[in-house]
Amino acid sequence: MAKLYFRYGAMNSGKSTGLLQAAFNYEERGQRVLLAKPQVDSKGEDQIVSRLGVTRTVDFLIPHGSSVLDLFHQHATGDDPEALLSHVDAEVKPVACLLVDEAQFLEPAQVDDLLRIAVLENVPVMAYGIRTDFRTQSFPGSGRLMELAHSVEELKTICRCGRKAIFNTRKAGETFVFEGDQVAIDGVEVTYESLCAVCYLTESGGRLG
């Protein structure tokens, strides 16, 4: 039985880079992968963008309220005329892995579909995302992944002070902000900085949530 993997980390921990490396590793061995991300992530539009400068167009976007299982079936079989197939013979190859970027933006029901794809379709699913928002609260998608994933792995990065960063802080210009909507796309509306717990509490005045 294939498994559902959740690889999470604070901003700048190499999540998108790791996803693109995993895709490369599969394809280097002649295997077919599908790449997807939630449509709400407007950064890069239909591309996965690594901070190292590497980009790749996804095979499909996941709109709000959509069935990830149905989207997977459409693109796995080539039934969708708009499917972005990476190879000429891709439609005849089985999917070796589904890779999902920015998985925190998925709805819980869509995460349920990721588990169905892994267990019922026997296709490994590797989901990458952040665990908590700038208020230290779980995203619904990340919370569900923590509940369902067979394997949960933390990708580490460091704070400006040298400690391990675990929190994502939102900035408007050079000012840290601790109020606002949960979803605000990095580089589109605001920017983010990864901080350790000490630096986060210092900037927030001891506030959590």
C-alpha atoms as a PDB file:
ATOM      1  CA  MET A   1       0.000   0.000   0.000  1.00  0.00           C
ATOM      2  CA  ALA A   2       1.259   3.455  -0.915  1.00  0.00           C
ATOM      3  CA  LYS A   3       1.463   6.160   1.753  1.00  0.00           C
ATOM      4  CA  LEU A   4       0.520   9.788   2.288  1.00  0.00           C
ATOM      5  CA  TYR A   5       3.528  11.884   3.309  1.00  0.00           C
ATOM      6  CA  PHE A   6       3.412  15.359   4.839  1.00  0.00           C
ATOM      7  CA  ARG A   7       6.633  17.345   4.776  1.00  0.00           C
ATOM      8  CA  TYR A   8       6.263  20.636   6.593  1.00  0.00           C
ATOM      9  CA  GLY A   9       8.468  23.473   7.694  1.00  0.00           C
ATOM     10  CA  ALA A  10       8.608  27.194   8.288  1.00  0.00           C
ATOM     11  CA  MET A  11       9.107  29.556   5.378  1.00  0.00           C
ATOM     12  CA  ASN A  12      12.458  29.140   3.609  1.00  0.00           C
ATOM     13  CA  SER A  13      12.910  25.545   4.742  1.00  0.00           C
ATOM     14  CA  GLY A  14      13.193  24.255   1.170  1.00  0.00           C
ATOM     15  CA  LYS A  15       9.746  22.713   0.744  1.00  0.00           C
ATOM     16  CA  SER A  16       9.229  23.606  -2.928  1.00  0.00           C
ATOM     17  CA  THR A  17      12.856  22.810  -3.699  1.00  0.00           C
ATOM     18  CA  GLY A  18      12.435  19.395  -2.079  1.00  0.00           C
ATOM     19  CA  LEU A  19       9.282  18.741  -4.071  1.00  0.00           C
ATOM     20  CA  LEU A  20      10.955  19.614  -7.369  1.00  0.00           C
ATOM     21  CA  GLN A  21      13.938  17.437  -6.459  1.00  0.00           C
ATOM     22  CA  ALA A  22      11.609  14.513  -5.707  1.00  0.00           C
ATOM     23  CA  ALA A  23       9.902  14.990  -9.090  1.00  0.00           C
ATOM     24  CA  PHE A  24      13.299  15.032 -10.812  1.00  0.00           C
ATOM     25  CA  ASN A  25      14.365  11.854  -9.032  1.00  0.00           C
ATOM     26  CA  TYR A  26      11.263   9.979 -10.203  1.00  0.00           C
ATOM     27  CA  GLU A  27      11.542  11.218 -13.776  1.00  0.00           C
ATOM     28  CA  GLU A  28      15.246  10.490 -13.973  1.00  0.00           C
ATOM     29  CA  ARG A  29      14.227   6.852 -13.542  1.00  0.00           C
ATOM     30  CA  GLY A  30      11.640   7.055 -16.314  1.00  0.00           C
ATOM     31  CA  GLN A  31       8.645   7.298 -13.998  1.00  0.00           C
ATOM     32  CA  ARG A  32       5.728   9.669 -14.363  1.00  0.00           C
ATOM     33  CA  VAL A  33       4.678  12.129 -11.678  1.00  0.00           C
ATOM     34  CA  LEU A  34       1.842  14.611 -11.353  1.00  0.00           C
ATOM     35  CA  LEU A  35       2.355  18.005  -9.708  1.00  0.00           C
ATOM     36  CA  ALA A  36      -0.471  20.053  -8.222  1.00  0.00           C
ATOM     37  CA  LYS A  37      -1.124  22.993  -5.931  1.00  0.00           C
ATOM     38  CA  PRO A  38      -4.176  24.841  -4.557  1.00  0.00           C
ATOM     39  CA  GLN A  39      -5.470  27.516  -6.898  1.00  0.00           C
ATOM     40  CA  VAL A  40      -5.629  30.046  -4.052  1.00  0.00           C
ATOM     41  CA  ASP A  41      -1.825  30.186  -4.086  1.00  0.00           C
ATOM     42  CA  SER A  42      -1.521  32.945  -6.674  1.00  0.00           C
ATOM     43  CA  LYS A  43       2.247  33.230  -6.315  1.00  0.00           C
ATOM     44  CA  GLY A  44       3.644  31.939  -9.587  1.00  0.00           C
ATOM     45  CA  GLU A  45       0.104  31.374 -10.906  1.00  0.00           C
ATOM     46  CA  ASP A  46       0.251  27.816 -12.292  1.00  0.00           C
ATOM     47  CA  GLN A  47       3.883  27.246 -11.367  1.00  0.00           C
ATOM     48  CA  ILE A  48       5.732  25.888  -8.386  1.00  0.00           C
ATOM     49  CA  VAL A  49       8.384  28.450  -7.523  1.00  0.00           C
ATOM     50  CA  SER A  50      11.471  27.537  -5.523  1.00  0.00           C
ATOM     51  CA  ARG A  51      13.386  30.275  -3.723  1.00  0.00           C
ATOM     52  CA  LEU A  52      16.495  28.944  -5.477  1.00  0.00           C
ATOM     53  CA  GLY A  53      15.017  30.182  -8.736  1.00  0.00           C
ATOM     54  CA  VAL A  54      13.787  26.848 -10.110  1.00  0.00           C
ATOM     55  CA  THR A  55      10.212  26.793 -11.423  1.00  0.00           C
ATOM     56  CA  ARG A  56       7.922  24.199 -12.953  1.00  0.00           C
ATOM     57  CA  THR A  57       4.365  24.327 -14.254  1.00  0.00           C
ATOM     58  CA  VAL A  58       1.945  22.119 -12.349  1.00  0.00           C
ATOM     59  CA  ASP A  59      -0.155  19.478 -14.053  1.00  0.00           C
ATOM     60  CA  PHE A  60      -3.296  20.815 -12.410  1.00  0.00           C
ATOM     61  CA  LEU A  61      -4.532  23.424  -9.978  1.00  0.00           C
ATOM     62  CA  ILE A  62      -6.913  22.522  -7.156  1.00  0.00           C
ATOM     63  CA  PRO A  63      -9.815  25.005  -6.941  1.00  0.00           C
ATOM     64  CA  HIS A  64     -11.777  25.645  -3.763  1.00  0.00           C
ATOM     65  CA  GLY A  65     -14.512  23.040  -3.335  1.00  0.00           C
ATOM     66  CA  SER A  66     -13.128  20.672  -5.977  1.00  0.00           C
ATOM     67  CA  SER A  67     -12.559  16.935  -5.677  1.00  0.00           C
ATOM     68  CA  VAL A  68      -8.839  16.170  -5.733  1.00  0.00           C
ATOM     69  CA  LEU A  69      -9.673  12.529  -6.434  1.00  0.00           C
ATOM     70  CA  ASP A  70     -11.600  13.484  -9.578  1.00  0.00           C
ATOM     71  CA  LEU A  71      -8.836  15.836 -10.732  1.00  0.00           C
ATOM     72  CA  PHE A  72      -6.276  13.110 -10.168  1.00  0.00           C
ATOM     73  CA  HIS A  73      -8.278  10.598 -12.209  1.00  0.00           C
ATOM     74  CA  GLN A  74      -8.700  13.081 -15.080  1.00  0.00           C
ATOM     75  CA  HIS A  75      -5.007  13.791 -15.336  1.00  0.00           C
ATOM     76  CA  ALA A  76      -3.767  10.296 -14.526  1.00  0.00           C
ATOM     77  CA  THR A  77      -5.741   8.855 -17.434  1.00  0.00           C
ATOM     78  CA  GLY A  78      -5.342  11.786 -19.819  1.00  0.00           C
ATOM     79  CA  ASP A  79      -9.119  12.217 -20.057  1.00  0.00           C
ATOM     80  CA  ASP A  80      -8.840  15.959 -19.411  1.00  0.00           C
ATOM     81  CA  PRO A  81      -8.075  17.701 -22.749  1.00  0.00           C
ATOM     82  CA  GLU A  82      -6.341  20.502 -20.848  1.00  0.00           C
ATOM     83  CA  ALA A  83      -4.098  18.155 -18.875  1.00  0.00           C
ATOM     84  CA  LEU A  84      -0.477  19.297 -18.996  1.00  0.00           C
ATOM     85  CA  LEU A  85       1.377  16.078 -19.838  1.00  0.00           C
ATOM     86  CA  SER A  86       5.115  16.230 -19.404  1.00  0.00           C
ATOM     87  CA  HIS A  87       5.979  13.559 -21.962  1.00  0.00           C
ATOM     88  CA  VAL A  88       4.620  12.457 -25.310  1.00  0.00           C
ATOM     89  CA  ASP A  89       3.864   8.976 -23.985  1.00  0.00           C
ATOM     90  CA  ALA A  90       2.800  10.154 -20.510  1.00  0.00           C
ATOM     91  CA  GLU A  91      -0.828   9.144 -20.998  1.00  0.00           C
ATOM     92  CA  VAL A  92       0.122   5.458 -21.235  1.00  0.00           C
ATOM     93  CA  LYS A  93       2.298   5.448 -18.139  1.00  0.00           C
ATOM     94  CA  PRO A  94       0.920   4.886 -14.642  1.00  0.00           C
ATOM     95  CA  VAL A  95       1.435   7.698 -12.172  1.00  0.00           C
ATOM     96  CA  ALA A  96       4.293   6.861  -9.818  1.00  0.00           C
ATOM     97  CA  CYS A  97       3.686   9.744  -7.405  1.00  0.00           C
ATOM     98  CA  LEU A  98       1.448  12.763  -6.810  1.00  0.00           C
ATOM     99  CA  LEU A  99       3.289  15.792  -5.414  1.00  0.00           C
ATOM    100  CA  VAL A 100       1.315  18.660  -3.882  1.00  0.00           C
ATOM    101  CA  ASP A 101       2.832  22.042  -3.042  1.00  0.00           C
ATOM    102  CA  GLU A 102       1.389  24.600  -0.579  1.00  0.00           C
ATOM    103  CA  ALA A 103      -0.761  21.851   0.920  1.00  0.00           C
ATOM    104  CA  GLN A 104      -1.733  24.019   3.895  1.00  0.00           C
ATOM    105  CA  PHE A 105      -4.250  25.750   1.618  1.00  0.00           C
ATOM    106  CA  LEU A 106      -6.179  22.534   0.924  1.00  0.00           C
ATOM    107  CA  GLU A 107      -9.560  21.974   2.530  1.00  0.00           C
ATOM    108  CA  PRO A 108      -9.828  19.053   4.968  1.00  0.00           C
ATOM    109  CA  ALA A 109     -12.018  17.118   2.504  1.00  0.00           C
ATOM    110  CA  GLN A 110      -9.341  17.558  -0.160  1.00  0.00           C
ATOM    111  CA  VAL A 111      -6.730  16.126   2.202  1.00  0.00           C
ATOM    112  CA  ASP A 112      -9.082  13.175   2.707  1.00  0.00           C
ATOM    113  CA  ASP A 113      -8.871  12.666  -1.070  1.00  0.00           C
ATOM    114  CA  LEU A 114      -5.069  12.584  -0.876  1.00  0.00           C
ATOM    115  CA  LEU A 115      -5.346   9.666   1.530  1.00  0.00           C
ATOM    116  CA  ARG A 116      -7.804   7.930  -0.820  1.00  0.00           C
ATOM    117  CA  ILE A 117      -5.364   8.342  -3.712  1.00  0.00           C
ATOM    118  CA  ALA A 118      -2.557   6.795  -1.681  1.00  0.00           C
ATOM    119  CA  VAL A 119      -4.560   3.931  -0.201  1.00  0.00           C
ATOM    120  CA  LEU A 120      -7.169   3.112  -2.850  1.00  0.00           C
ATOM    121  CA  GLU A 121      -5.207   4.039  -5.986  1.00  0.00           C
ATOM    122  CA  ASN A 122      -1.898   2.790  -4.550  1.00  0.00           C
ATOM    123  CA  VAL A 123      -0.104   5.985  -5.604  1.00  0.00           C
ATOM    124  CA  PRO A 124       2.246   7.666  -3.111  1.00  0.00           C
ATOM    125  CA  VAL A 125       1.254  11.244  -2.300  1.00  0.00           C
ATOM    126  CA  MET A 126       3.850  13.722  -1.067  1.00  0.00           C
ATOM    127  CA  ALA A 127       2.331  16.920   0.316  1.00  0.00           C
ATOM    128  CA  TYR A 128       4.501  19.899   1.217  1.00  0.00           C
ATOM    129  CA  GLY A 129       3.390  22.891   3.254  1.00  0.00           C
ATOM    130  CA  ILE A 130       3.633  24.985   6.389  1.00  0.00           C
ATOM    131  CA  ARG A 131       2.030  23.874   9.635  1.00  0.00           C
ATOM    132  CA  THR A 132       0.843  27.149  11.181  1.00  0.00           C
ATOM    133  CA  ASP A 133      -0.004  30.685  10.091  1.00  0.00           C
ATOM    134  CA  PHE A 134       1.480  33.979  11.286  1.00  0.00           C
ATOM    135  CA  ARG A 135      -0.708  33.782  14.411  1.00  0.00           C
ATOM    136  CA  THR A 136       0.697  30.313  15.265  1.00  0.00           C
ATOM    137  CA  GLN A 137      -2.654  28.678  14.410  1.00  0.00           C
ATOM    138  CA  SER A 138      -2.960  25.588  12.232  1.00  0.00           C
ATOM    139  CA  PHE A 139      -4.145  25.831   8.668  1.00  0.00           C
ATOM    140  CA  PRO A 140      -7.128  23.495   8.098  1.00  0.00           C
ATOM    141  CA  GLY A 141      -5.218  21.545   5.440  1.00  0.00           C
ATOM    142  CA  SER A 142      -2.120  21.139   7.587  1.00  0.00           C
ATOM    143  CA  GLY A 143      -4.176  20.119  10.595  1.00  0.00           C
ATOM    144  CA  ARG A 144      -5.864  17.374   8.613  1.00  0.00           C
ATOM    145  CA  LEU A 145      -2.554  16.204   7.165  1.00  0.00           C
ATOM    146  CA  MET A 146      -1.129  15.901  10.671  1.00  0.00           C
ATOM    147  CA  GLU A 147      -4.110  13.687  11.505  1.00  0.00           C
ATOM    148  CA  LEU A 148      -4.041  11.466   8.402  1.00  0.00           C
ATOM    149  CA  ALA A 149      -0.521  11.249   6.987  1.00  0.00           C
ATOM    150  CA  HIS A 150       1.315   7.963   7.346  1.00  0.00           C
ATOM    151  CA  SER A 151       4.583   9.876   7.610  1.00  0.00           C
ATOM    152  CA  VAL A 152       5.165  13.406   8.939  1.00  0.00           C
ATOM    153  CA  GLU A 153       8.580  15.008   8.491  1.00  0.00           C
ATOM    154  CA  GLU A 154       9.772  18.430   9.557  1.00  0.00           C
ATOM    155  CA  LEU A 155      12.021  20.354   7.160  1.00  0.00           C
ATOM    156  CA  LYS A 156      14.228  22.649   9.206  1.00  0.00           C
ATOM    157  CA  THR A 157      15.448  26.199   8.710  1.00  0.00           C
ATOM    158  CA  ILE A 158      17.074  28.761  10.981  1.00  0.00           C
ATOM    159  CA  CYS A 159      15.950  32.003  12.562  1.00  0.00           C
ATOM    160  CA  ARG A 160      17.940  35.235  12.161  1.00  0.00           C
ATOM    161  CA  CYS A 161      19.392  34.548  15.629  1.00  0.00           C
ATOM    162  CA  GLY A 162      20.687  31.109  14.639  1.00  0.00           C
ATOM    163  CA  ARG A 163      18.088  29.021  16.496  1.00  0.00           C
ATOM    164  CA  LYS A 164      15.721  26.673  14.687  1.00  0.00           C
ATOM    165  CA  ALA A 165      12.829  28.652  13.178  1.00  0.00           C
ATOM    166  CA  ILE A 166       9.374  27.225  13.823  1.00  0.00           C
ATOM    167  CA  PHE A 167       7.007  30.193  13.339  1.00  0.00           C
ATOM    168  CA  ASN A 168       6.074  32.212  10.262  1.00  0.00           C
ATOM    169  CA  THR A 169       5.752  35.934  10.912  1.00  0.00           C
ATOM    170  CA  ARG A 170       3.986  38.319   8.549  1.00  0.00           C
ATOM    171  CA  LYS A 171       5.447  41.681   7.636  1.00  0.00           C
ATOM    172  CA  ALA A 172       3.926  44.760   6.026  1.00  0.00           C
ATOM    173  CA  GLY A 173       6.978  46.570   4.792  1.00  0.00           C
ATOM    174  CA  GLU A 174       9.456  46.236   7.654  1.00  0.00           C
ATOM    175  CA  THR A 175       6.773  45.992  10.358  1.00  0.00           C
ATOM    176  CA  PHE A 176       5.644  42.693  11.872  1.00  0.00           C
ATOM    177  CA  VAL A 177       1.856  42.300  11.966  1.00  0.00           C
ATOM    178  CA  PHE A 178      -0.131  39.878  14.093  1.00  0.00           C
ATOM    179  CA  GLU A 179      -3.694  40.525  12.912  1.00  0.00           C
ATOM    180  CA  GLY A 180      -5.408  39.894   9.585  1.00  0.00           C
ATOM    181  CA  ASP A 181      -6.786  37.160   7.358  1.00  0.00           C
ATOM    182  CA  GLN A 182      -5.181  33.751   7.615  1.00  0.00           C
ATOM    183  CA  VAL A 183      -4.352  33.631   3.899  1.00  0.00           C
ATOM    184  CA  ALA A 184      -2.178  36.368   2.404  1.00  0.00           C
ATOM    185  CA  ILE A 185       0.197  35.182  -0.299  1.00  0.00           C
ATOM    186  CA  ASP A 186       3.916  35.720   0.237  1.00  0.00           C
ATOM    187  CA  GLY A 187       5.295  38.330  -2.122  1.00  0.00           C
ATOM    188  CA  VAL A 188       1.852  39.267  -3.453  1.00  0.00           C
ATOM    189  CA  GLU A 189       0.255  41.096  -0.525  1.00  0.00           C
ATOM    190  CA  VAL A 190       2.839  40.749   2.242  1.00  0.00           C
ATOM    191  CA  THR A 191       6.173  39.141   3.056  1.00  0.00           C
ATOM    192  CA  TYR A 192       7.108  36.617   5.721  1.00  0.00           C
ATOM    193  CA  GLU A 193      10.063  35.848   7.961  1.00  0.00           C
ATOM    194  CA  SER A 194      10.703  32.606   9.810  1.00  0.00           C
ATOM    195  CA  LEU A 195      11.475  33.070  13.504  1.00  0.00           C
ATOM    196  CA  CYS A 196      12.256  30.906  16.509  1.00  0.00           C
ATOM    197  CA  ALA A 197       9.899  30.992  19.489  1.00  0.00           C
ATOM    198  CA  VAL A 198      12.084  33.474  21.380  1.00  0.00           C
ATOM    199  CA  CYS A 199      12.229  35.990  18.526  1.00  0.00           C
ATOM    200  CA  TYR A 200       8.530  35.522  17.735  1.00  0.00           C
ATOM    201  CA  LEU A 201       7.491  36.274  21.318  1.00  0.00           C
ATOM    202  CA  THR A 202       9.851  39.231  21.424  1.00  0.00           C
ATOM    203  CA  GLU A 203       8.356  40.756  18.268  1.00  0.00           C
ATOM    204  CA  SER A 204       4.762  39.986  19.296  1.00  0.00           C
ATOM    205  CA  GLY A 205       5.153  41.255  22.847  1.00  0.00           C
ATOM    206  CA  GLY A 206       4.502  37.781  24.197  1.00  0.00           C
ATOM    207  CA  ARG A 207       1.353  37.306  22.138  1.00  0.00           C
ATOM    208  CA  LEU A 208       0.420  33.917  20.665  1.00  0.00           C
ATOM    209  CA  GLY A 209      -2.594  33.591  18.397  1.00  0.00           C
END
